[in-house]
PDB file of N, CA and C in Angstrom:
ATOM      1  N   UNK A   1      84.725  98.085 100.403  1.00  0.00           N
ATOM      2  CA  UNK A   1      84.464  98.575  99.269  1.00  0.00           C
ATOM      3  C   UNK A   1      84.862  97.334  98.613  1.00  0.00           C
ATOM      4  N   UNK A   2      83.725  97.000  97.373  1.00  0.00           N
ATOM      5  CA  UNK A   2      83.774  96.064  96.486  1.00  0.00           C
ATOM      6  C   UNK A   2      84.894  96.287  95.742  1.00  0.00           C
ATOM      7  N   UNK A   3      85.539  97.090  95.670  1.00  0.00           N
ATOM      8  CA  UNK A   3      86.343  96.682  94.425  1.00  0.00           C
ATOM      9  C   UNK A   3      87.767  97.005  95.181  1.00  0.00           C
ATOM     10  N   UNK A   4      88.212  96.435  96.667  1.00  0.00           N
ATOM     11  CA  UNK A   4      89.405  96.195  97.045  1.00  0.00           C
ATOM     12  C   UNK A   4      90.272  94.425  95.954  1.00  0.00           C
ATOM     13  N   UNK A   5      91.559  94.881  96.240  1.00  0.00           N
ATOM     14  CA  UNK A   5      91.978  93.615  95.325  1.00  0.00           C
ATOM     15  C   UNK A   5      91.924  92.613  95.935  1.00  0.00           C
ATOM     16  N   UNK A   6      91.767  92.625  97.314  1.00  0.00           N
ATOM     17  CA  UNK A   6      91.261  91.216  98.334  1.00  0.00           C
ATOM     18  C   UNK A   6      90.263  91.249  98.670  1.00  0.00           C
ATOM     19  N   UNK A   7      90.033  90.816  99.316  1.00  0.00           N
ATOM     20  CA  UNK A   7      88.602  90.351 100.385  1.00  0.00           C
ATOM     21  C   UNK A   7      88.996  91.015 101.744  1.00  0.00           C
ATOM     22  N   UNK A   8      89.601  91.375 101.824  1.00  0.00           N
ATOM     23  CA  UNK A   8      90.764  91.900 103.346  1.00  0.00           C
ATOM     24  C   UNK A   8      90.835  93.310 103.624  1.00  0.00           C
ATOM     25  N   UNK A   9      89.756  94.057 103.999  1.00  0.00           N
ATOM     26  CA  UNK A   9      90.005  95.667 103.978  1.00  0.00           C
ATOM     27  C   UNK A   9      90.574  96.292 105.300  1.00  0.00           C
ATOM     28  N   UNK A  10      90.987  97.457 105.781  1.00  0.00           N
ATOM     29  CA  UNK A  10      91.425  97.852 106.713  1.00  0.00           C
ATOM     30  C   UNK A  10      91.061  98.993 107.492  1.00  0.00           C
ATOM     31  N   UNK A  11      90.400  99.311 108.386  1.00  0.00           N
ATOM     32  CA  UNK A  11      89.589 100.290 108.799  1.00  0.00           C
ATOM     33  C   UNK A  11      89.952 100.902 109.854  1.00  0.00           C
ATOM     34  N   UNK A  12      89.917 102.094 110.303  1.00  0.00           N
ATOM     35  CA  UNK A  12      89.985 102.473 111.913  1.00  0.00           C
ATOM     36  C   UNK A  12      88.893 103.114 111.850  1.00  0.00           C
ATOM     37  N   UNK A  13      88.312 102.799 112.757  1.00  0.00           N
ATOM     38  CA  UNK A  13      86.582 103.796 113.252  1.00  0.00           C
ATOM     39  C   UNK A  13      86.394 104.212 114.440  1.00  0.00           C
ATOM     40  N   UNK A  14      85.584 104.781 115.019  1.00  0.00           N
ATOM     41  CA  UNK A  14      84.996 105.149 115.688  1.00  0.00           C
ATOM     42  C   UNK A  14      83.710 104.517 116.570  1.00  0.00           C
ATOM     43  N   UNK A  15      84.207 104.063 117.691  1.00  0.00           N
ATOM     44  CA  UNK A  15      83.729 103.179 118.679  1.00  0.00           C
ATOM     45  C   UNK A  15      82.067 103.629 119.600  1.00  0.00           C
ATOM     46  N   UNK A  16      81.109 104.042 119.109  1.00  0.00           N
ATOM     47  CA  UNK A  16      80.062 104.786 119.581  1.00  0.00           C
ATOM     48  C   UNK A  16      79.715 104.181 121.055  1.00  0.00           C
ATOM     49  N   UNK A  17      79.566 102.961 121.191  1.00  0.00           N
ATOM     50  CA  UNK A  17      79.299 102.276 122.295  1.00  0.00           C
ATOM     51  C   UNK A  17      79.277 100.501 122.165  1.00  0.00           C
ATOM     52  N   UNK A  18      79.187  99.722 123.447  1.00  0.00           N
ATOM     53  CA  UNK A  18      79.460  98.345 123.492  1.00  0.00           C
ATOM     54  C   UNK A  18      78.090  98.487 124.194  1.00  0.00           C
ATOM     55  N   UNK A  19      77.767  97.342 123.897  1.00  0.00           N
ATOM     56  CA  UNK A  19      76.065  96.821 124.597  1.00  0.00           C
ATOM     57  C   UNK A  19      76.518  95.170 124.607  1.00  0.00           C
ATOM     58  N   UNK A  20      76.758  94.740 126.056  1.00  0.00           N
ATOM     59  CA  UNK A  20      76.985  93.119 125.707  1.00  0.00           C
ATOM     60  C   UNK A  20      78.244  92.744 125.157  1.00  0.00           C
ATOM     61  N   UNK A  21      77.926  91.791 124.194  1.00  0.00           N
ATOM     62  CA  UNK A  21      78.818  91.743 122.744  1.00  0.00           C
ATOM     63  C   UNK A  21      78.876  92.276 121.356  1.00  0.00           C
ATOM     64  N   UNK A  22      78.052  93.037 121.615  1.00  0.00           N
ATOM     65  CA  UNK A  22      77.870  93.932 120.726  1.00  0.00           C
ATOM     66  C   UNK A  22      78.313  95.551 120.256  1.00  0.00           C
ATOM     67  N   UNK A  23      79.262  95.471 119.761  1.00  0.00           N
ATOM     68  CA  UNK A  23      80.149  96.907 119.042  1.00  0.00           C
ATOM     69  C   UNK A  23      79.375  97.669 117.877  1.00  0.00           C
ATOM     70  N   UNK A  24      79.162  98.970 118.271  1.00  0.00           N
ATOM     71  CA  UNK A  24      78.448  99.986 117.651  1.00  0.00           C
ATOM     72  C   UNK A  24      79.514 101.108 117.444  1.00  0.00           C
ATOM     73  N   UNK A  25      80.095 101.542 115.910  1.00  0.00           N
ATOM     74  CA  UNK A  25      80.889 101.921 115.210  1.00  0.00           C
ATOM     75  C   UNK A  25      80.460 102.400 114.288  1.00  0.00           C
ATOM     76  N   UNK A  26      81.031 104.087 114.066  1.00  0.00           N
ATOM     77  CA  UNK A  26      80.918 105.202 112.824  1.00  0.00           C
ATOM     78  C   UNK A  26      82.260 104.962 112.387  1.00  0.00           C
ATOM     79  N   UNK A  27      82.295 105.400 111.269  1.00  0.00           N
ATOM     80  CA  UNK A  27      83.607 106.088 110.579  1.00  0.00           C
ATOM     81  C   UNK A  27      84.279 104.828 109.675  1.00  0.00           C
ATOM     82  N   UNK A  28      83.451 103.925 109.231  1.00  0.00           N
ATOM     83  CA  UNK A  28      83.779 103.016 108.430  1.00  0.00           C
ATOM     84  C   UNK A  28      83.622 102.495 106.727  1.00  0.00           C
ATOM     85  N   UNK A  29      84.486 102.071 106.315  1.00  0.00           N
ATOM     86  CA  UNK A  29      84.442 101.934 105.009  1.00  0.00           C
ATOM     87  C   UNK A  29      84.597 100.179 104.219  1.00  0.00           C
ATOM     88  N   UNK A  30      83.022  99.687 104.659  1.00  0.00           N
ATOM     89  CA  UNK A  30      82.703  98.540 104.568  1.00  0.00           C
ATOM     90  C   UNK A  30      81.330  98.279 104.341  1.00  0.00           C
ATOM     91  N   UNK A  31      80.528  97.112 103.788  1.00  0.00           N
ATOM     92  CA  UNK A  31      79.796  96.723 103.418  1.00  0.00           C
ATOM     93  C   UNK A  31      78.853  96.054 104.536  1.00  0.00           C
ATOM     94  N   UNK A  32      77.795  96.241 105.045  1.00  0.00           N
ATOM     95  CA  UNK A  32      76.560  95.881 105.797  1.00  0.00           C
ATOM     96  C   UNK A  32      77.283  94.265 105.585  1.00  0.00           C
ATOM     97  N   UNK A  33      77.456  93.180 106.603  1.00  0.00           N
ATOM     98  CA  UNK A  33      77.484  92.534 106.777  1.00  0.00           C
ATOM     99  C   UNK A  33      78.683  91.782 106.606  1.00  0.00           C
ATOM    100  N   UNK A  34      79.524  92.384 105.936  1.00  0.00           N
ATOM    101  CA  UNK A  34      81.227  91.904 106.391  1.00  0.00           C
ATOM    102  C   UNK A  34      81.307  91.380 107.073  1.00  0.00           C
ATOM    103  N   UNK A  35      82.513  90.034 107.596  1.00  0.00           N
ATOM    104  CA  UNK A  35      82.429  89.858 108.448  1.00  0.00           C
ATOM    105  C   UNK A  35      83.697  90.209 109.270  1.00  0.00           C
ATOM    106  N   UNK A  36      84.044  90.567 110.419  1.00  0.00           N
ATOM    107  CA  UNK A  36      84.739  91.034 111.373  1.00  0.00           C
ATOM    108  C   UNK A  36      86.225  89.814 111.638  1.00  0.00           C
ATOM    109  N   UNK A  37      87.484  90.665 111.153  1.00  0.00           N
ATOM    110  CA  UNK A  37      88.401  89.455 111.688  1.00  0.00           C
ATOM    111  C   UNK A  37      89.517  89.878 113.039  1.00  0.00           C
ATOM    112  N   UNK A  38      89.506  90.845 113.323  1.00  0.00           N
ATOM    113  CA  UNK A  38      90.250  91.118 114.403  1.00  0.00           C
ATOM    114  C   UNK A  38      90.006  92.980 114.524  1.00  0.00           C
ATOM    115  N   UNK A  39      90.026  93.106 115.959  1.00  0.00           N
ATOM    116  CA  UNK A  39      89.768  94.384 116.355  1.00  0.00           C
ATOM    117  C   UNK A  39      90.898  94.913 117.159  1.00  0.00           C
ATOM    118  N   UNK A  40      91.784  95.818 117.118  1.00  0.00           N
ATOM    119  CA  UNK A  40      92.726  96.494 117.524  1.00  0.00           C
ATOM    120  C   UNK A  40      92.488  97.539 118.255  1.00  0.00           C
ATOM    121  N   UNK A  41      93.393  98.048 119.683  1.00  0.00           N
ATOM    122  CA  UNK A  41      92.891  99.631 119.952  1.00  0.00           C
ATOM    123  C   UNK A  41      93.902 100.310 119.109  1.00  0.00           C
ATOM    124  N   UNK A  42      93.628 101.646 118.824  1.00  0.00           N
ATOM    125  CA  UNK A  42      93.944 102.414 118.307  1.00  0.00           C
ATOM    126  C   UNK A  42      95.301 103.293 119.147  1.00  0.00           C
ATOM    127  N   UNK A  43      96.628 102.879 119.245  1.00  0.00           N
ATOM    128  CA  UNK A  43      97.326 103.736 120.167  1.00  0.00           C
ATOM    129  C   UNK A  43      98.096 104.713 118.850  1.00  0.00           C
ATOM    130  N   UNK A  44      98.340 105.918 119.134  1.00  0.00           N
ATOM    131  CA  UNK A  44      98.399 106.933 118.605  1.00  0.00           C
ATOM    132  C   UNK A  44     100.239 106.596 118.801  1.00  0.00           C
ATOM    133  N   UNK A  45     100.624 106.660 119.421  1.00  0.00           N
ATOM    134  CA  UNK A  45     102.411 106.172 119.514  1.00  0.00           C
ATOM    135  C   UNK A  45     102.592 105.356 118.064  1.00  0.00           C
ATOM    136  N   UNK A  46     101.735 104.133 117.918  1.00  0.00           N
ATOM    137  CA  UNK A  46     102.202 103.236 117.072  1.00  0.00           C
ATOM    138  C   UNK A  46     101.439 102.930 116.062  1.00  0.00           C
ATOM    139  N   UNK A  47      99.999 103.675 115.963  1.00  0.00           N
ATOM    140  CA  UNK A  47      99.372 103.776 114.775  1.00  0.00           C
ATOM    141  C   UNK A  47      99.098 105.314 113.961  1.00  0.00           C
ATOM    142  N   UNK A  48     100.170 106.238 114.404  1.00  0.00           N
ATOM    143  CA  UNK A  48     100.207 107.248 113.669  1.00  0.00           C
ATOM    144  C   UNK A  48     101.566 107.551 112.688  1.00  0.00           C
ATOM    145  N   UNK A  49     101.639 107.352 111.473  1.00  0.00           N
ATOM    146  CA  UNK A  49     102.676 107.247 110.849  1.00  0.00           C
ATOM    147  C   UNK A  49     102.996 108.256 109.670  1.00  0.00           C
ATOM    148  N   UNK A  50     103.772 109.512 110.151  1.00  0.00           N
ATOM    149  CA  UNK A  50     103.680 110.943 109.777  1.00  0.00           C
ATOM    150  C   UNK A  50     104.615 110.395 108.484  1.00  0.00           C
ATOM    151  N   UNK A  51     105.486 109.418 108.605  1.00  0.00           N
ATOM    152  CA  UNK A  51     106.731 109.228 107.262  1.00  0.00           C
ATOM    153  C   UNK A  51     105.893 108.564 106.507  1.00  0.00           C
ATOM    154  N   UNK A  52     104.747 108.472 106.225  1.00  0.00           N
ATOM    155  CA  UNK A  52     104.347 107.602 105.213  1.00  0.00           C
ATOM    156  C   UNK A  52     103.965 108.088 103.997  1.00  0.00           C
ATOM    157  N   UNK A  53     103.596 107.642 102.816  1.00  0.00           N
ATOM    158  CA  UNK A  53     103.211 108.112 101.319  1.00  0.00           C
ATOM    159  C   UNK A  53     102.183 107.580 101.079  1.00  0.00           C
ATOM    160  N   UNK A  54     101.434 108.300 100.019  1.00  0.00           N
ATOM    161  CA  UNK A  54      99.966 107.543  99.368  1.00  0.00           C
ATOM    162  C   UNK A  54     100.421 106.667  97.922  1.00  0.00           C
ATOM    163  N   UNK A  55     101.909 106.977  97.746  1.00  0.00           N
ATOM    164  CA  UNK A  55     102.044 106.616  96.260  1.00  0.00           C
ATOM    165  C   UNK A  55     100.811 107.494  95.085  1.00  0.00           C
ATOM    166  N   UNK A  56     101.103 106.613  94.253  1.00  0.00           N
ATOM    167  CA  UNK A  56     100.260 107.402  92.877  1.00  0.00           C
ATOM    168  C   UNK A  56      99.446 108.054  93.219  1.00  0.00           C
ATOM    169  N   UNK A  57      98.665 108.240  94.499  1.00  0.00           N
ATOM    170  CA  UNK A  57      97.334 109.263  94.291  1.00  0.00           C
ATOM    171  C   UNK A  57      98.154 110.451  94.928  1.00  0.00           C
ATOM    172  N   UNK A  58      99.095 110.882  95.615  1.00  0.00           N
ATOM    173  CA  UNK A  58      99.533 111.806  96.386  1.00  0.00           C
ATOM    174  C   UNK A  58      99.540 113.206  95.373  1.00  0.00           C
ATOM    175  N   UNK A  59     100.171 112.968  94.457  1.00  0.00           N
ATOM    176  CA  UNK A  59     100.105 114.015  92.850  1.00  0.00           C
ATOM    177  C   UNK A  59      98.917 114.703  93.038  1.00  0.00           C
ATOM    178  N   UNK A  60      97.396 114.115  92.943  1.00  0.00           N
ATOM    179  CA  UNK A  60      96.432 114.268  92.752  1.00  0.00           C
ATOM    180  C   UNK A  60      96.093 115.386  94.017  1.00  0.00           C
ATOM    181  N   UNK A  61      96.536 115.306  95.382  1.00  0.00           N
ATOM    182  CA  UNK A  61      96.257 116.153  96.562  1.00  0.00           C
ATOM    183  C   UNK A  61      97.298 117.265  96.049  1.00  0.00           C
ATOM    184  N   UNK A  62      97.971 117.420  95.495  1.00  0.00           N
ATOM    185  CA  UNK A  62      99.535 118.592  95.243  1.00  0.00           C
ATOM    186  C   UNK A  62      98.736 119.795  94.915  1.00  0.00           C
ATOM    187  N   UNK A  63      97.499 119.520  93.939  1.00  0.00           N
ATOM    188  CA  UNK A  63      97.222 121.017  93.481  1.00  0.00           C
ATOM    189  C   UNK A  63      95.641 121.091  94.422  1.00  0.00           C
ATOM    190  N   UNK A  64      95.546 120.609  95.464  1.00  0.00           N
ATOM    191  CA  UNK A  64      94.034 120.846  96.014  1.00  0.00           C
ATOM    192  C   UNK A  64      92.815 119.893  95.557  1.00  0.00           C
TER     193      UNK A  64
END
């Protein structure tokens, strides 16, 4: 998104395929041409955080 408070974002993506040294993925919220800084696997035991809060936006989801 071009409206982030800094130029570094975080996305969990789904990898569709890997061909040679290219990753093809979907479900990302970045602009085309955005540099990629790091790749790490999604590990359910570490990356799912059920006791987290979304802060101020939670009140908007309380009413559907």
